[in-house]
PDBML (XML) file of the C-alpha atoms, coordinates in Angstrom:
<?xml version="1.0" encoding="UTF-8" ?>
<PDBx:datablock datablockName="MODEL"
   xmlns:PDBx="http://pdbml.pdb.org/schema/pdbx-v50.xsd"
   xmlns:xsi="http://www.w3.org/2001/XMLSchema-instance"
   xsi:schemaLocation="http://pdbml.pdb.org/schema/pdbx-v50.xsd pdbx-v50.xsd">
   <PDBx:atom_siteCategory>
      <PDBx:atom_site id="1">
         <PDBx:B_iso_or_equiv>0.00</PDBx:B_iso_or_equiv>
         <PDBx:Cartn_x>211.698</PDBx:Cartn_x>
         <PDBx:Cartn_y>-57.444</PDBx:Cartn_y>
         <PDBx:Cartn_z>40.327</PDBx:Cartn_z>
         <PDBx:auth_asym_id>A</PDBx:auth_asym_id>
         <PDBx:auth_atom_id>CA</PDBx:auth_atom_id>
         <PDBx:auth_comp_id>UNK</PDBx:auth_comp_id>
         <PDBx:auth_seq_id>1</PDBx:auth_seq_id>
         <PDBx:group_PDB>ATOM</PDBx:group_PDB>
         <PDBx:label_alt_id xsi:nil="true" />
         <PDBx:label_asym_id>A</PDBx:label_asym_id>
         <PDBx:label_atom_id>CA</PDBx:label_atom_id>
         <PDBx:label_comp_id>UNK</PDBx:label_comp_id>
         <PDBx:label_entity_id>1</PDBx:label_entity_id>
         <PDBx:label_seq_id>1</PDBx:label_seq_id>
         <PDBx:occupancy>1.00</PDBx:occupancy>
         <PDBx:pdbx_PDB_model_num>1</PDBx:pdbx_PDB_model_num>
         <PDBx:type_symbol>C</PDBx:type_symbol>
      </PDBx:atom_site>
      <PDBx:atom_site id="2">
         <PDBx:B_iso_or_equiv>0.00</PDBx:B_iso_or_equiv>
         <PDBx:Cartn_x>211.452</PDBx:Cartn_x>
         <PDBx:Cartn_y>-60.242</PDBx:Cartn_y>
         <PDBx:Cartn_z>37.747</PDBx:Cartn_z>
         <PDBx:auth_asym_id>A</PDBx:auth_asym_id>
         <PDBx:auth_atom_id>CA</PDBx:auth_atom_id>
         <PDBx:auth_comp_id>UNK</PDBx:auth_comp_id>
         <PDBx:auth_seq_id>2</PDBx:auth_seq_id>
         <PDBx:group_PDB>ATOM</PDBx:group_PDB>
         <PDBx:label_alt_id xsi:nil="true" />
         <PDBx:label_asym_id>A</PDBx:label_asym_id>
         <PDBx:label_atom_id>CA</PDBx:label_atom_id>
         <PDBx:label_comp_id>UNK</PDBx:label_comp_id>
         <PDBx:label_entity_id>1</PDBx:label_entity_id>
         <PDBx:label_seq_id>2</PDBx:label_seq_id>
         <PDBx:occupancy>1.00</PDBx:occupancy>
         <PDBx:pdbx_PDB_model_num>1</PDBx:pdbx_PDB_model_num>
         <PDBx:type_symbol>C</PDBx:type_symbol>
      </PDBx:atom_site>
      <PDBx:atom_site id="3">
         <PDBx:B_iso_or_equiv>0.00</PDBx:B_iso_or_equiv>
         <PDBx:Cartn_x>214.792</PDBx:Cartn_x>
         <PDBx:Cartn_y>-61.745</PDBx:Cartn_y>
         <PDBx:Cartn_z>38.791</PDBx:Cartn_z>
         <PDBx:auth_asym_id>A</PDBx:auth_asym_id>
         <PDBx:auth_atom_id>CA</PDBx:auth_atom_id>
         <PDBx:auth_comp_id>UNK</PDBx:auth_comp_id>
         <PDBx:auth_seq_id>3</PDBx:auth_seq_id>
         <PDBx:group_PDB>ATOM</PDBx:group_PDB>
         <PDBx:label_alt_id xsi:nil="true" />
         <PDBx:label_asym_id>A</PDBx:label_asym_id>
         <PDBx:label_atom_id>CA</PDBx:label_atom_id>
         <PDBx:label_comp_id>UNK</PDBx:label_comp_id>
         <PDBx:label_entity_id>1</PDBx:label_entity_id>
         <PDBx:label_seq_id>3</PDBx:label_seq_id>
         <PDBx:occupancy>1.00</PDBx:occupancy>
         <PDBx:pdbx_PDB_model_num>1</PDBx:pdbx_PDB_model_num>
         <PDBx:type_symbol>C</PDBx:type_symbol>
      </PDBx:atom_site>
      <PDBx:atom_site id="4">
         <PDBx:B_iso_or_equiv>0.00</PDBx:B_iso_or_equiv>
         <PDBx:Cartn_x>214.093</PDBx:Cartn_x>
         <PDBx:Cartn_y>-61.579</PDBx:Cartn_y>
         <PDBx:Cartn_z>42.518</PDBx:Cartn_z>
         <PDBx:auth_asym_id>A</PDBx:auth_asym_id>
         <PDBx:auth_atom_id>CA</PDBx:auth_atom_id>
         <PDBx:auth_comp_id>UNK</PDBx:auth_comp_id>
         <PDBx:auth_seq_id>4</PDBx:auth_seq_id>
         <PDBx:group_PDB>ATOM</PDBx:group_PDB>
         <PDBx:label_alt_id xsi:nil="true" />
         <PDBx:label_asym_id>A</PDBx:label_asym_id>
         <PDBx:label_atom_id>CA</PDBx:label_atom_id>
         <PDBx:label_comp_id>UNK</PDBx:label_comp_id>
         <PDBx:label_entity_id>1</PDBx:label_entity_id>
         <PDBx:label_seq_id>4</PDBx:label_seq_id>
         <PDBx:occupancy>1.00</PDBx:occupancy>
         <PDBx:pdbx_PDB_model_num>1</PDBx:pdbx_PDB_model_num>
         <PDBx:type_symbol>C</PDBx:type_symbol>
      </PDBx:atom_site>
      <PDBx:atom_site id="5">
         <PDBx:B_iso_or_equiv>0.00</PDBx:B_iso_or_equiv>
         <PDBx:Cartn_x>210.585</PDBx:Cartn_x>
         <PDBx:Cartn_y>-63.021</PDBx:Cartn_y>
         <PDBx:Cartn_z>42.062</PDBx:Cartn_z>
         <PDBx:auth_asym_id>A</PDBx:auth_asym_id>
         <PDBx:auth_atom_id>CA</PDBx:auth_atom_id>
         <PDBx:auth_comp_id>UNK</PDBx:auth_comp_id>
         <PDBx:auth_seq_id>5</PDBx:auth_seq_id>
         <PDBx:group_PDB>ATOM</PDBx:group_PDB>
         <PDBx:label_alt_id xsi:nil="true" />
         <PDBx:label_asym_id>A</PDBx:label_asym_id>
         <PDBx:label_atom_id>CA</PDBx:label_atom_id>
         <PDBx:label_comp_id>UNK</PDBx:label_comp_id>
         <PDBx:label_entity_id>1</PDBx:label_entity_id>
         <PDBx:label_seq_id>5</PDBx:label_seq_id>
         <PDBx:occupancy>1.00</PDBx:occupancy>
         <PDBx:pdbx_PDB_model_num>1</PDBx:pdbx_PDB_model_num>
         <PDBx:type_symbol>C</PDBx:type_symbol>
      </PDBx:atom_site>
      <PDBx:atom_site id="6">
         <PDBx:B_iso_or_equiv>0.00</PDBx:B_iso_or_equiv>
         <PDBx:Cartn_x>211.933</PDBx:Cartn_x>
         <PDBx:Cartn_y>-66.075</PDBx:Cartn_y>
         <PDBx:Cartn_z>40.248</PDBx:Cartn_z>
         <PDBx:auth_asym_id>A</PDBx:auth_asym_id>
         <PDBx:auth_atom_id>CA</PDBx:auth_atom_id>
         <PDBx:auth_comp_id>UNK</PDBx:auth_comp_id>
         <PDBx:auth_seq_id>6</PDBx:auth_seq_id>
         <PDBx:group_PDB>ATOM</PDBx:group_PDB>
         <PDBx:label_alt_id xsi:nil="true" />
         <PDBx:label_asym_id>A</PDBx:label_asym_id>
         <PDBx:label_atom_id>CA</PDBx:label_atom_id>
         <PDBx:label_comp_id>UNK</PDBx:label_comp_id>
         <PDBx:label_entity_id>1</PDBx:label_entity_id>
         <PDBx:label_seq_id>6</PDBx:label_seq_id>
         <PDBx:occupancy>1.00</PDBx:occupancy>
         <PDBx:pdbx_PDB_model_num>1</PDBx:pdbx_PDB_model_num>
         <PDBx:type_symbol>C</PDBx:type_symbol>
      </PDBx:atom_site>
      <PDBx:atom_site id="7">
         <PDBx:B_iso_or_equiv>0.00</PDBx:B_iso_or_equiv>
         <PDBx:Cartn_x>214.803</PDBx:Cartn_x>
         <PDBx:Cartn_y>-66.584</PDBx:Cartn_y>
         <PDBx:Cartn_z>42.722</PDBx:Cartn_z>
         <PDBx:auth_asym_id>A</PDBx:auth_asym_id>
         <PDBx:auth_atom_id>CA</PDBx:auth_atom_id>
         <PDBx:auth_comp_id>UNK</PDBx:auth_comp_id>
         <PDBx:auth_seq_id>7</PDBx:auth_seq_id>
         <PDBx:group_PDB>ATOM</PDBx:group_PDB>
         <PDBx:label_alt_id xsi:nil="true" />
         <PDBx:label_asym_id>A</PDBx:label_asym_id>
         <PDBx:label_atom_id>CA</PDBx:label_atom_id>
         <PDBx:label_comp_id>UNK</PDBx:label_comp_id>
         <PDBx:label_entity_id>1</PDBx:label_entity_id>
         <PDBx:label_seq_id>7</PDBx:label_seq_id>
         <PDBx:occupancy>1.00</PDBx:occupancy>
         <PDBx:pdbx_PDB_model_num>1</PDBx:pdbx_PDB_model_num>
         <PDBx:type_symbol>C</PDBx:type_symbol>
      </PDBx:atom_site>
      <PDBx:atom_site id="8">
         <PDBx:B_iso_or_equiv>0.00</PDBx:B_iso_or_equiv>
         <PDBx:Cartn_x>212.463</PDBx:Cartn_x>
         <PDBx:Cartn_y>-66.307</PDBx:Cartn_y>
         <PDBx:Cartn_z>45.690</PDBx:Cartn_z>
         <PDBx:auth_asym_id>A</PDBx:auth_asym_id>
         <PDBx:auth_atom_id>CA</PDBx:auth_atom_id>
         <PDBx:auth_comp_id>UNK</PDBx:auth_comp_id>
         <PDBx:auth_seq_id>8</PDBx:auth_seq_id>
         <PDBx:group_PDB>ATOM</PDBx:group_PDB>
         <PDBx:label_alt_id xsi:nil="true" />
         <PDBx:label_asym_id>A</PDBx:label_asym_id>
         <PDBx:label_atom_id>CA</PDBx:label_atom_id>
         <PDBx:label_comp_id>UNK</PDBx:label_comp_id>
         <PDBx:label_entity_id>1</PDBx:label_entity_id>
         <PDBx:label_seq_id>8</PDBx:label_seq_id>
         <PDBx:occupancy>1.00</PDBx:occupancy>
         <PDBx:pdbx_PDB_model_num>1</PDBx:pdbx_PDB_model_num>
         <PDBx:type_symbol>C</PDBx:type_symbol>
      </PDBx:atom_site>
      <PDBx:atom_site id="9">
         <PDBx:B_iso_or_equiv>0.00</PDBx:B_iso_or_equiv>
         <PDBx:Cartn_x>209.852</PDBx:Cartn_x>
         <PDBx:Cartn_y>-68.719</PDBx:Cartn_y>
         <PDBx:Cartn_z>44.313</PDBx:Cartn_z>
         <PDBx:auth_asym_id>A</PDBx:auth_asym_id>
         <PDBx:auth_atom_id>CA</PDBx:auth_atom_id>
         <PDBx:auth_comp_id>UNK</PDBx:auth_comp_id>
         <PDBx:auth_seq_id>9</PDBx:auth_seq_id>
         <PDBx:group_PDB>ATOM</PDBx:group_PDB>
         <PDBx:label_alt_id xsi:nil="true" />
         <PDBx:label_asym_id>A</PDBx:label_asym_id>
         <PDBx:label_atom_id>CA</PDBx:label_atom_id>
         <PDBx:label_comp_id>UNK</PDBx:label_comp_id>
         <PDBx:label_entity_id>1</PDBx:label_entity_id>
         <PDBx:label_seq_id>9</PDBx:label_seq_id>
         <PDBx:occupancy>1.00</PDBx:occupancy>
         <PDBx:pdbx_PDB_model_num>1</PDBx:pdbx_PDB_model_num>
         <PDBx:type_symbol>C</PDBx:type_symbol>
      </PDBx:atom_site>
      <PDBx:atom_site id="10">
         <PDBx:B_iso_or_equiv>0.00</PDBx:B_iso_or_equiv>
         <PDBx:Cartn_x>212.056</PDBx:Cartn_x>
         <PDBx:Cartn_y>-71.517</PDBx:Cartn_y>
         <PDBx:Cartn_z>42.943</PDBx:Cartn_z>
         <PDBx:auth_asym_id>A</PDBx:auth_asym_id>
         <PDBx:auth_atom_id>CA</PDBx:auth_atom_id>
         <PDBx:auth_comp_id>UNK</PDBx:auth_comp_id>
         <PDBx:auth_seq_id>10</PDBx:auth_seq_id>
         <PDBx:group_PDB>ATOM</PDBx:group_PDB>
         <PDBx:label_alt_id xsi:nil="true" />
         <PDBx:label_asym_id>A</PDBx:label_asym_id>
         <PDBx:label_atom_id>CA</PDBx:label_atom_id>
         <PDBx:label_comp_id>UNK</PDBx:label_comp_id>
         <PDBx:label_entity_id>1</PDBx:label_entity_id>
         <PDBx:label_seq_id>10</PDBx:label_seq_id>
         <PDBx:occupancy>1.00</PDBx:occupancy>
         <PDBx:pdbx_PDB_model_num>1</PDBx:pdbx_PDB_model_num>
         <PDBx:type_symbol>C</PDBx:type_symbol>
      </PDBx:atom_site>
      <PDBx:atom_site id="11">
         <PDBx:B_iso_or_equiv>0.00</PDBx:B_iso_or_equiv>
         <PDBx:Cartn_x>212.502</PDBx:Cartn_x>
         <PDBx:Cartn_y>-74.535</PDBx:Cartn_y>
         <PDBx:Cartn_z>45.212</PDBx:Cartn_z>
         <PDBx:auth_asym_id>A</PDBx:auth_asym_id>
         <PDBx:auth_atom_id>CA</PDBx:auth_atom_id>
         <PDBx:auth_comp_id>UNK</PDBx:auth_comp_id>
         <PDBx:auth_seq_id>11</PDBx:auth_seq_id>
         <PDBx:group_PDB>ATOM</PDBx:group_PDB>
         <PDBx:label_alt_id xsi:nil="true" />
         <PDBx:label_asym_id>A</PDBx:label_asym_id>
         <PDBx:label_atom_id>CA</PDBx:label_atom_id>
         <PDBx:label_comp_id>UNK</PDBx:label_comp_id>
         <PDBx:label_entity_id>1</PDBx:label_entity_id>
         <PDBx:label_seq_id>11</PDBx:label_seq_id>
         <PDBx:occupancy>1.00</PDBx:occupancy>
         <PDBx:pdbx_PDB_model_num>1</PDBx:pdbx_PDB_model_num>
         <PDBx:type_symbol>C</PDBx:type_symbol>
      </PDBx:atom_site>
      <PDBx:atom_site id="12">
         <PDBx:B_iso_or_equiv>0.00</PDBx:B_iso_or_equiv>
         <PDBx:Cartn_x>213.707</PDBx:Cartn_x>
         <PDBx:Cartn_y>-78.108</PDBx:Cartn_y>
         <PDBx:Cartn_z>44.899</PDBx:Cartn_z>
         <PDBx:auth_asym_id>A</PDBx:auth_asym_id>
         <PDBx:auth_atom_id>CA</PDBx:auth_atom_id>
         <PDBx:auth_comp_id>UNK</PDBx:auth_comp_id>
         <PDBx:auth_seq_id>12</PDBx:auth_seq_id>
         <PDBx:group_PDB>ATOM</PDBx:group_PDB>
         <PDBx:label_alt_id xsi:nil="true" />
         <PDBx:label_asym_id>A</PDBx:label_asym_id>
         <PDBx:label_atom_id>CA</PDBx:label_atom_id>
         <PDBx:label_comp_id>UNK</PDBx:label_comp_id>
         <PDBx:label_entity_id>1</PDBx:label_entity_id>
         <PDBx:label_seq_id>12</PDBx:label_seq_id>
         <PDBx:occupancy>1.00</PDBx:occupancy>
         <PDBx:pdbx_PDB_model_num>1</PDBx:pdbx_PDB_model_num>
         <PDBx:type_symbol>C</PDBx:type_symbol>
      </PDBx:atom_site>
      <PDBx:atom_site id="13">
         <PDBx:B_iso_or_equiv>0.00</PDBx:B_iso_or_equiv>
         <PDBx:Cartn_x>210.454</PDBx:Cartn_x>
         <PDBx:Cartn_y>-79.207</PDBx:Cartn_y>
         <PDBx:Cartn_z>46.532</PDBx:Cartn_z>
         <PDBx:auth_asym_id>A</PDBx:auth_asym_id>
         <PDBx:auth_atom_id>CA</PDBx:auth_atom_id>
         <PDBx:auth_comp_id>UNK</PDBx:auth_comp_id>
         <PDBx:auth_seq_id>13</PDBx:auth_seq_id>
         <PDBx:group_PDB>ATOM</PDBx:group_PDB>
         <PDBx:label_alt_id xsi:nil="true" />
         <PDBx:label_asym_id>A</PDBx:label_asym_id>
         <PDBx:label_atom_id>CA</PDBx:label_atom_id>
         <PDBx:label_comp_id>UNK</PDBx:label_comp_id>
         <PDBx:label_entity_id>1</PDBx:label_entity_id>
         <PDBx:label_seq_id>13</PDBx:label_seq_id>
         <PDBx:occupancy>1.00</PDBx:occupancy>
         <PDBx:pdbx_PDB_model_num>1</PDBx:pdbx_PDB_model_num>
         <PDBx:type_symbol>C</PDBx:type_symbol>
      </PDBx:atom_site>
      <PDBx:atom_site id="14">
         <PDBx:B_iso_or_equiv>0.00</PDBx:B_iso_or_equiv>
         <PDBx:Cartn_x>208.252</PDBx:Cartn_x>
         <PDBx:Cartn_y>-78.202</PDBx:Cartn_y>
         <PDBx:Cartn_z>43.615</PDBx:Cartn_z>
         <PDBx:auth_asym_id>A</PDBx:auth_asym_id>
         <PDBx:auth_atom_id>CA</PDBx:auth_atom_id>
         <PDBx:auth_comp_id>UNK</PDBx:auth_comp_id>
         <PDBx:auth_seq_id>14</PDBx:auth_seq_id>
         <PDBx:group_PDB>ATOM</PDBx:group_PDB>
         <PDBx:label_alt_id xsi:nil="true" />
         <PDBx:label_asym_id>A</PDBx:label_asym_id>
         <PDBx:label_atom_id>CA</PDBx:label_atom_id>
         <PDBx:label_comp_id>UNK</PDBx:label_comp_id>
         <PDBx:label_entity_id>1</PDBx:label_entity_id>
         <PDBx:label_seq_id>14</PDBx:label_seq_id>
         <PDBx:occupancy>1.00</PDBx:occupancy>
         <PDBx:pdbx_PDB_model_num>1</PDBx:pdbx_PDB_model_num>
         <PDBx:type_symbol>C</PDBx:type_symbol>
      </PDBx:atom_site>
      <PDBx:atom_site id="15">
         <PDBx:B_iso_or_equiv>0.00</PDBx:B_iso_or_equiv>
         <PDBx:Cartn_x>208.252</PDBx:Cartn_x>
         <PDBx:Cartn_y>-78.486</PDBx:Cartn_y>
         <PDBx:Cartn_z>39.839</PDBx:Cartn_z>
         <PDBx:auth_asym_id>A</PDBx:auth_asym_id>
         <PDBx:auth_atom_id>CA</PDBx:auth_atom_id>
         <PDBx:auth_comp_id>UNK</PDBx:auth_comp_id>
         <PDBx:auth_seq_id>15</PDBx:auth_seq_id>
         <PDBx:group_PDB>ATOM</PDBx:group_PDB>
         <PDBx:label_alt_id xsi:nil="true" />
         <PDBx:label_asym_id>A</PDBx:label_asym_id>
         <PDBx:label_atom_id>CA</PDBx:label_atom_id>
         <PDBx:label_comp_id>UNK</PDBx:label_comp_id>
         <PDBx:label_entity_id>1</PDBx:label_entity_id>
         <PDBx:label_seq_id>15</PDBx:label_seq_id>
         <PDBx:occupancy>1.00</PDBx:occupancy>
         <PDBx:pdbx_PDB_model_num>1</PDBx:pdbx_PDB_model_num>
         <PDBx:type_symbol>C</PDBx:type_symbol>
      </PDBx:atom_site>
      <PDBx:atom_site id="16">
         <PDBx:B_iso_or_equiv>0.00</PDBx:B_iso_or_equiv>
         <PDBx:Cartn_x>209.392</PDBx:Cartn_x>
         <PDBx:Cartn_y>-74.890</PDBx:Cartn_y>
         <PDBx:Cartn_z>39.179</PDBx:Cartn_z>
         <PDBx:auth_asym_id>A</PDBx:auth_asym_id>
         <PDBx:auth_atom_id>CA</PDBx:auth_atom_id>
         <PDBx:auth_comp_id>UNK</PDBx:auth_comp_id>
         <PDBx:auth_seq_id>16</PDBx:auth_seq_id>
         <PDBx:group_PDB>ATOM</PDBx:group_PDB>
         <PDBx:label_alt_id xsi:nil="true" />
         <PDBx:label_asym_id>A</PDBx:label_asym_id>
         <PDBx:label_atom_id>CA</PDBx:label_atom_id>
         <PDBx:label_comp_id>UNK</PDBx:label_comp_id>
         <PDBx:label_entity_id>1</PDBx:label_entity_id>
         <PDBx:label_seq_id>16</PDBx:label_seq_id>
         <PDBx:occupancy>1.00</PDBx:occupancy>
         <PDBx:pdbx_PDB_model_num>1</PDBx:pdbx_PDB_model_num>
         <PDBx:type_symbol>C</PDBx:type_symbol>
      </PDBx:atom_site>
      <PDBx:atom_site id="17">
         <PDBx:B_iso_or_equiv>0.00</PDBx:B_iso_or_equiv>
         <PDBx:Cartn_x>207.185</PDBx:Cartn_x>
         <PDBx:Cartn_y>-74.158</PDBx:Cartn_y>
         <PDBx:Cartn_z>36.199</PDBx:Cartn_z>
         <PDBx:auth_asym_id>A</PDBx:auth_asym_id>
         <PDBx:auth_atom_id>CA</PDBx:auth_atom_id>
         <PDBx:auth_comp_id>UNK</PDBx:auth_comp_id>
         <PDBx:auth_seq_id>17</PDBx:auth_seq_id>
         <PDBx:group_PDB>ATOM</PDBx:group_PDB>
         <PDBx:label_alt_id xsi:nil="true" />
         <PDBx:label_asym_id>A</PDBx:label_asym_id>
         <PDBx:label_atom_id>CA</PDBx:label_atom_id>
         <PDBx:label_comp_id>UNK</PDBx:label_comp_id>
         <PDBx:label_entity_id>1</PDBx:label_entity_id>
         <PDBx:label_seq_id>17</PDBx:label_seq_id>
         <PDBx:occupancy>1.00</PDBx:occupancy>
         <PDBx:pdbx_PDB_model_num>1</PDBx:pdbx_PDB_model_num>
         <PDBx:type_symbol>C</PDBx:type_symbol>
      </PDBx:atom_site>
      <PDBx:atom_site id="18">
         <PDBx:B_iso_or_equiv>0.00</PDBx:B_iso_or_equiv>
         <PDBx:Cartn_x>207.946</PDBx:Cartn_x>
         <PDBx:Cartn_y>-70.485</PDBx:Cartn_y>
         <PDBx:Cartn_z>35.695</PDBx:Cartn_z>
         <PDBx:auth_asym_id>A</PDBx:auth_asym_id>
         <PDBx:auth_atom_id>CA</PDBx:auth_atom_id>
         <PDBx:auth_comp_id>UNK</PDBx:auth_comp_id>
         <PDBx:auth_seq_id>18</PDBx:auth_seq_id>
         <PDBx:group_PDB>ATOM</PDBx:group_PDB>
         <PDBx:label_alt_id xsi:nil="true" />
         <PDBx:label_asym_id>A</PDBx:label_asym_id>
         <PDBx:label_atom_id>CA</PDBx:label_atom_id>
         <PDBx:label_comp_id>UNK</PDBx:label_comp_id>
         <PDBx:label_entity_id>1</PDBx:label_entity_id>
         <PDBx:label_seq_id>18</PDBx:label_seq_id>
         <PDBx:occupancy>1.00</PDBx:occupancy>
         <PDBx:pdbx_PDB_model_num>1</PDBx:pdbx_PDB_model_num>
         <PDBx:type_symbol>C</PDBx:type_symbol>
      </PDBx:atom_site>
      <PDBx:atom_site id="19">
         <PDBx:B_iso_or_equiv>0.00</PDBx:B_iso_or_equiv>
         <PDBx:Cartn_x>205.348</PDBx:Cartn_x>
         <PDBx:Cartn_y>-68.082</PDBx:Cartn_y>
         <PDBx:Cartn_z>34.293</PDBx:Cartn_z>
         <PDBx:auth_asym_id>A</PDBx:auth_asym_id>
         <PDBx:auth_atom_id>CA</PDBx:auth_atom_id>
         <PDBx:auth_comp_id>UNK</PDBx:auth_comp_id>
         <PDBx:auth_seq_id>19</PDBx:auth_seq_id>
         <PDBx:group_PDB>ATOM</PDBx:group_PDB>
         <PDBx:label_alt_id xsi:nil="true" />
         <PDBx:label_asym_id>A</PDBx:label_asym_id>
         <PDBx:label_atom_id>CA</PDBx:label_atom_id>
         <PDBx:label_comp_id>UNK</PDBx:label_comp_id>
         <PDBx:label_entity_id>1</PDBx:label_entity_id>
         <PDBx:label_seq_id>19</PDBx:label_seq_id>
         <PDBx:occupancy>1.00</PDBx:occupancy>
         <PDBx:pdbx_PDB_model_num>1</PDBx:pdbx_PDB_model_num>
         <PDBx:type_symbol>C</PDBx:type_symbol>
      </PDBx:atom_site>
      <PDBx:atom_site id="20">
         <PDBx:B_iso_or_equiv>0.00</PDBx:B_iso_or_equiv>
         <PDBx:Cartn_x>206.905</PDBx:Cartn_x>
         <PDBx:Cartn_y>-65.498</PDBx:Cartn_y>
         <PDBx:Cartn_z>31.969</PDBx:Cartn_z>
         <PDBx:auth_asym_id>A</PDBx:auth_asym_id>
         <PDBx:auth_atom_id>CA</PDBx:auth_atom_id>
         <PDBx:auth_comp_id>UNK</PDBx:auth_comp_id>
         <PDBx:auth_seq_id>20</PDBx:auth_seq_id>
         <PDBx:group_PDB>ATOM</PDBx:group_PDB>
         <PDBx:label_alt_id xsi:nil="true" />
         <PDBx:label_asym_id>A</PDBx:label_asym_id>
         <PDBx:label_atom_id>CA</PDBx:label_atom_id>
         <PDBx:label_comp_id>UNK</PDBx:label_comp_id>
         <PDBx:label_entity_id>1</PDBx:label_entity_id>
         <PDBx:label_seq_id>20</PDBx:label_seq_id>
         <PDBx:occupancy>1.00</PDBx:occupancy>
         <PDBx:pdbx_PDB_model_num>1</PDBx:pdbx_PDB_model_num>
         <PDBx:type_symbol>C</PDBx:type_symbol>
      </PDBx:atom_site>
      <PDBx:atom_site id="21">
         <PDBx:B_iso_or_equiv>0.00</PDBx:B_iso_or_equiv>
         <PDBx:Cartn_x>205.798</PDBx:Cartn_x>
         <PDBx:Cartn_y>-63.610</PDBx:Cartn_y>
         <PDBx:Cartn_z>28.858</PDBx:Cartn_z>
         <PDBx:auth_asym_id>A</PDBx:auth_asym_id>
         <PDBx:auth_atom_id>CA</PDBx:auth_atom_id>
         <PDBx:auth_comp_id>UNK</PDBx:auth_comp_id>
         <PDBx:auth_seq_id>21</PDBx:auth_seq_id>
         <PDBx:group_PDB>ATOM</PDBx:group_PDB>
         <PDBx:label_alt_id xsi:nil="true" />
         <PDBx:label_asym_id>A</PDBx:label_asym_id>
         <PDBx:label_atom_id>CA</PDBx:label_atom_id>
         <PDBx:label_comp_id>UNK</PDBx:label_comp_id>
         <PDBx:label_entity_id>1</PDBx:label_entity_id>
         <PDBx:label_seq_id>21</PDBx:label_seq_id>
         <PDBx:occupancy>1.00</PDBx:occupancy>
         <PDBx:pdbx_PDB_model_num>1</PDBx:pdbx_PDB_model_num>
         <PDBx:type_symbol>C</PDBx:type_symbol>
      </PDBx:atom_site>
      <PDBx:atom_site id="22">
         <PDBx:B_iso_or_equiv>0.00</PDBx:B_iso_or_equiv>
         <PDBx:Cartn_x>207.349</PDBx:Cartn_x>
         <PDBx:Cartn_y>-62.752</PDBx:Cartn_y>
         <PDBx:Cartn_z>25.492</PDBx:Cartn_z>
         <PDBx:auth_asym_id>A</PDBx:auth_asym_id>
         <PDBx:auth_atom_id>CA</PDBx:auth_atom_id>
         <PDBx:auth_comp_id>UNK</PDBx:auth_comp_id>
         <PDBx:auth_seq_id>22</PDBx:auth_seq_id>
         <PDBx:group_PDB>ATOM</PDBx:group_PDB>
         <PDBx:label_alt_id xsi:nil="true" />
         <PDBx:label_asym_id>A</PDBx:label_asym_id>
         <PDBx:label_atom_id>CA</PDBx:label_atom_id>
         <PDBx:label_comp_id>UNK</PDBx:label_comp_id>
         <PDBx:label_entity_id>1</PDBx:label_entity_id>
         <PDBx:label_seq_id>22</PDBx:label_seq_id>
         <PDBx:occupancy>1.00</PDBx:occupancy>
         <PDBx:pdbx_PDB_model_num>1</PDBx:pdbx_PDB_model_num>
         <PDBx:type_symbol>C</PDBx:type_symbol>
      </PDBx:atom_site>
      <PDBx:atom_site id="23">
         <PDBx:B_iso_or_equiv>0.00</PDBx:B_iso_or_equiv>
         <PDBx:Cartn_x>204.871</PDBx:Cartn_x>
         <PDBx:Cartn_y>-60.282</PDBx:Cartn_y>
         <PDBx:Cartn_z>24.032</PDBx:Cartn_z>
         <PDBx:auth_asym_id>A</PDBx:auth_asym_id>
         <PDBx:auth_atom_id>CA</PDBx:auth_atom_id>
         <PDBx:auth_comp_id>UNK</PDBx:auth_comp_id>
         <PDBx:auth_seq_id>23</PDBx:auth_seq_id>
         <PDBx:group_PDB>ATOM</PDBx:group_PDB>
         <PDBx:label_alt_id xsi:nil="true" />
         <PDBx:label_asym_id>A</PDBx:label_asym_id>
         <PDBx:label_atom_id>CA</PDBx:label_atom_id>
         <PDBx:label_comp_id>UNK</PDBx:label_comp_id>
         <PDBx:label_entity_id>1</PDBx:label_entity_id>
         <PDBx:label_seq_id>23</PDBx:label_seq_id>
         <PDBx:occupancy>1.00</PDBx:occupancy>
         <PDBx:pdbx_PDB_model_num>1</PDBx:pdbx_PDB_model_num>
         <PDBx:type_symbol>C</PDBx:type_symbol>
      </PDBx:atom_site>
      <PDBx:atom_site id="24">
         <PDBx:B_iso_or_equiv>0.00</PDBx:B_iso_or_equiv>
         <PDBx:Cartn_x>206.102</PDBx:Cartn_x>
         <PDBx:Cartn_y>-56.925</PDBx:Cartn_y>
         <PDBx:Cartn_z>22.722</PDBx:Cartn_z>
         <PDBx:auth_asym_id>A</PDBx:auth_asym_id>
         <PDBx:auth_atom_id>CA</PDBx:auth_atom_id>
         <PDBx:auth_comp_id>UNK</PDBx:auth_comp_id>
         <PDBx:auth_seq_id>24</PDBx:auth_seq_id>
         <PDBx:group_PDB>ATOM</PDBx:group_PDB>
         <PDBx:label_alt_id xsi:nil="true" />
         <PDBx:label_asym_id>A</PDBx:label_asym_id>
         <PDBx:label_atom_id>CA</PDBx:label_atom_id>
         <PDBx:label_comp_id>UNK</PDBx:label_comp_id>
         <PDBx:label_entity_id>1</PDBx:label_entity_id>
         <PDBx:label_seq_id>24</PDBx:label_seq_id>
         <PDBx:occupancy>1.00</PDBx:occupancy>
         <PDBx:pdbx_PDB_model_num>1</PDBx:pdbx_PDB_model_num>
         <PDBx:type_symbol>C</PDBx:type_symbol>
      </PDBx:atom_site>
   </PDBx:atom_siteCategory>
</PDBx:datablock>
């Protein structure tokens, strides 16, 4: 789900600031 969400949302027509988390 995480991988497909990022692939689907990235585009060359935006800045592609990706929200992720690194908590436990």
